[in-house]
Protein backbone atom coordinates (compact mmCIF):
# COMPACT_ATOMS: atom_id res chain seq x y z
CA MET A 1 75.82 113.05 -176.10
CA GLU A 2 72.73 114.47 -177.70
CA TRP A 3 69.49 115.81 -176.27
CA PHE A 4 66.32 116.56 -178.24
CA LYS A 5 63.30 118.79 -177.74
CA LYS A 6 60.89 119.29 -180.67
CA ASP A 7 62.98 120.67 -183.58
CA PHE A 8 65.92 121.47 -181.29
CA LYS A 9 69.04 119.47 -180.52
CA ILE A 10 71.92 119.96 -178.12
CA SER A 11 75.10 118.04 -178.81
CA ASP A 12 78.61 117.83 -177.41
CA ASN A 13 79.90 116.56 -180.78
CA VAL A 14 82.57 119.10 -181.72
CA GLU A 15 82.32 118.02 -185.36
CA LEU A 16 78.82 119.52 -185.54
CA ILE A 17 79.93 122.94 -184.32
CA ASN A 18 79.79 125.59 -187.02
CA LEU A 19 82.78 127.80 -186.25
CA GLN A 20 81.41 130.67 -188.34
CA ASP A 21 78.09 130.62 -186.45
CA VAL A 22 79.82 130.46 -183.06
CA THR A 23 82.13 133.31 -184.03
CA GLN A 24 79.10 135.37 -185.05
CA LEU A 25 77.22 134.56 -181.84
CA LEU A 26 80.20 135.43 -179.64
CA SER A 27 80.84 138.66 -181.57
CA THR A 28 77.57 139.99 -180.13
CA THR A 29 78.66 139.49 -176.51
CA TYR A 30 80.47 141.88 -174.19
CA TRP A 31 82.96 139.23 -173.11
CA ALA A 32 84.07 137.74 -176.43
CA SER A 33 83.41 140.34 -179.12
CA ASN A 34 87.12 140.78 -179.82
CA ARG A 35 88.04 137.10 -180.07
CA THR A 36 89.38 135.95 -183.40
CA LYS A 37 88.03 132.89 -185.15
CA GLU A 38 91.36 131.16 -184.47
CA ILE A 39 91.13 131.81 -180.71
CA ILE A 40 87.51 130.61 -180.65
CA GLU A 41 88.48 127.44 -182.50
CA LYS A 42 91.33 126.78 -180.07
CA SER A 43 89.01 127.34 -177.08
CA ILE A 44 86.49 124.87 -178.52
CA ASN A 45 89.15 122.24 -179.12
CA ASN A 46 90.36 122.54 -175.53
CA SER A 47 86.96 122.47 -173.85
CA LEU A 48 83.84 120.36 -173.63
CA ALA A 49 81.74 122.26 -176.17
CA PHE A 50 77.96 122.23 -176.55
CA GLY A 51 76.07 123.30 -179.66
CA LEU A 52 72.37 124.15 -179.75
CA TYR A 53 70.71 123.55 -183.11
CA HIS A 54 67.31 124.28 -184.65
CA SER A 55 66.59 122.11 -187.68
CA GLY A 56 70.34 121.73 -188.22
CA LYS A 57 71.24 125.43 -187.88
CA GLN A 58 73.45 126.38 -184.95
CA ILE A 59 71.62 128.88 -182.75
CA GLY A 60 73.46 128.52 -179.45
CA PHE A 61 76.72 127.58 -177.86
CA ALA A 62 78.36 126.97 -174.50
CA ARG A 63 81.59 125.41 -173.36
CA VAL A 64 82.98 123.99 -170.17
CA VAL A 65 86.61 123.93 -169.09
CA THR A 66 86.94 120.94 -166.81
CA ASP A 67 89.18 118.34 -165.26
CA LYS A 68 86.16 115.96 -165.45
CA ALA A 69 86.78 114.92 -161.85
CA VAL A 70 86.37 117.85 -159.47
CA PHE A 71 85.82 121.17 -161.24
CA SER A 72 84.01 122.63 -164.26
CA TRP A 73 83.94 126.25 -165.40
CA VAL A 74 80.95 127.23 -167.57
CA LEU A 75 81.83 129.74 -170.29
CA ASP A 76 80.52 131.41 -173.42
CA VAL A 77 76.84 130.59 -172.95
CA VAL A 78 75.09 132.37 -175.81
CA ILE A 79 71.77 131.98 -177.64
CA ASP A 80 70.87 133.70 -180.91
CA ASP A 81 68.72 136.78 -180.18
CA ASN A 82 65.93 135.42 -182.39
CA TYR A 83 65.55 132.37 -180.13
CA ARG A 84 65.84 133.95 -176.69
CA GLY A 85 62.93 133.85 -174.28
CA ASN A 86 61.94 130.28 -175.18
CA GLY A 87 63.73 128.45 -172.37
CA LEU A 88 66.55 127.25 -174.63
CA GLY A 89 69.29 128.73 -172.47
CA GLN A 90 67.85 126.99 -169.43
CA TRP A 91 67.64 123.71 -171.34
CA LEU A 92 71.26 124.14 -172.51
CA MET A 93 72.41 124.62 -168.91
CA GLU A 94 70.38 121.61 -167.75
CA CYS A 95 72.03 119.45 -170.42
CA ILE A 96 75.46 120.67 -169.34
CA PHE A 97 74.70 119.76 -165.72
CA GLU A 98 73.44 116.30 -166.83
CA HIS A 99 76.50 115.48 -168.93
CA PRO A 100 77.88 112.21 -167.50
CA GLU A 101 81.53 113.31 -167.67
CA ILE A 102 80.98 116.39 -165.49
CA LYS A 103 77.71 116.02 -163.61
CA PHE A 104 79.42 115.27 -160.31
CA THR A 105 81.90 118.16 -160.52
CA ALA A 106 81.57 121.55 -158.87
CA PHE A 107 80.54 124.19 -161.39
CA ALA A 108 81.70 127.79 -161.52
CA LEU A 109 81.07 130.76 -163.76
CA ALA A 110 81.77 134.46 -163.97
CA THR A 111 79.21 136.88 -165.33
CA SER A 112 78.62 140.60 -165.21
CA ASP A 113 75.01 140.63 -166.26
CA ALA A 114 73.04 137.37 -166.17
CA HIS A 115 72.75 136.92 -162.41
CA ASP A 116 68.99 136.31 -162.44
CA PHE A 117 69.32 133.66 -165.13
CA TYR A 118 72.04 131.74 -163.28
CA LYS A 119 70.37 132.05 -159.86
CA LYS A 120 67.89 129.33 -160.83
CA PHE A 121 70.85 126.94 -161.07
CA ASP A 122 72.05 127.79 -157.53
CA PHE A 123 74.82 130.12 -158.69
CA LYS A 124 75.16 133.09 -156.37
CA ASP A 125 76.90 136.42 -156.78
CA ASN A 126 79.37 136.88 -159.61
CA VAL A 127 81.53 133.78 -159.25
CA CYS A 128 80.32 130.70 -157.48
CA MET A 129 80.53 126.98 -157.33
CA THR A 130 77.46 124.86 -157.17
CA LYS A 131 76.73 121.15 -156.73
CA PRO A 132 78.28 119.31 -155.06
CA LEU A 133 80.07 122.21 -153.35
CA LEU A 134 78.24 125.17 -151.81
CA CYS A 135 79.30 128.81 -151.83
């Protein structure tokens, strides 16, 4: 699937993912800074991965571990620092929730810092499931 907004695109096409860019983005996070490129590649290949692109350059990433029937775990949501504050993270999450293969599953995540961001998507506390299940 692909979604478009001005010069931005979100895609679940794993062939578009730039492993070097994703490795760089994740290296700036507290949760994945020590992951090797090989581990990141393996995690992408075993997840539903979403790339966020500006004029063809990868500027964001997220992935979902899912059974595509009941449960989806949102992981590794990251936006390039130069693009933050423009609603792109929110748009990325909205596209994830709209994805036809997972939109009817319960979503979960774990975060140590972005509680306010995820609250707008009905996530509560540190780990929570949202639609269709309630915490």
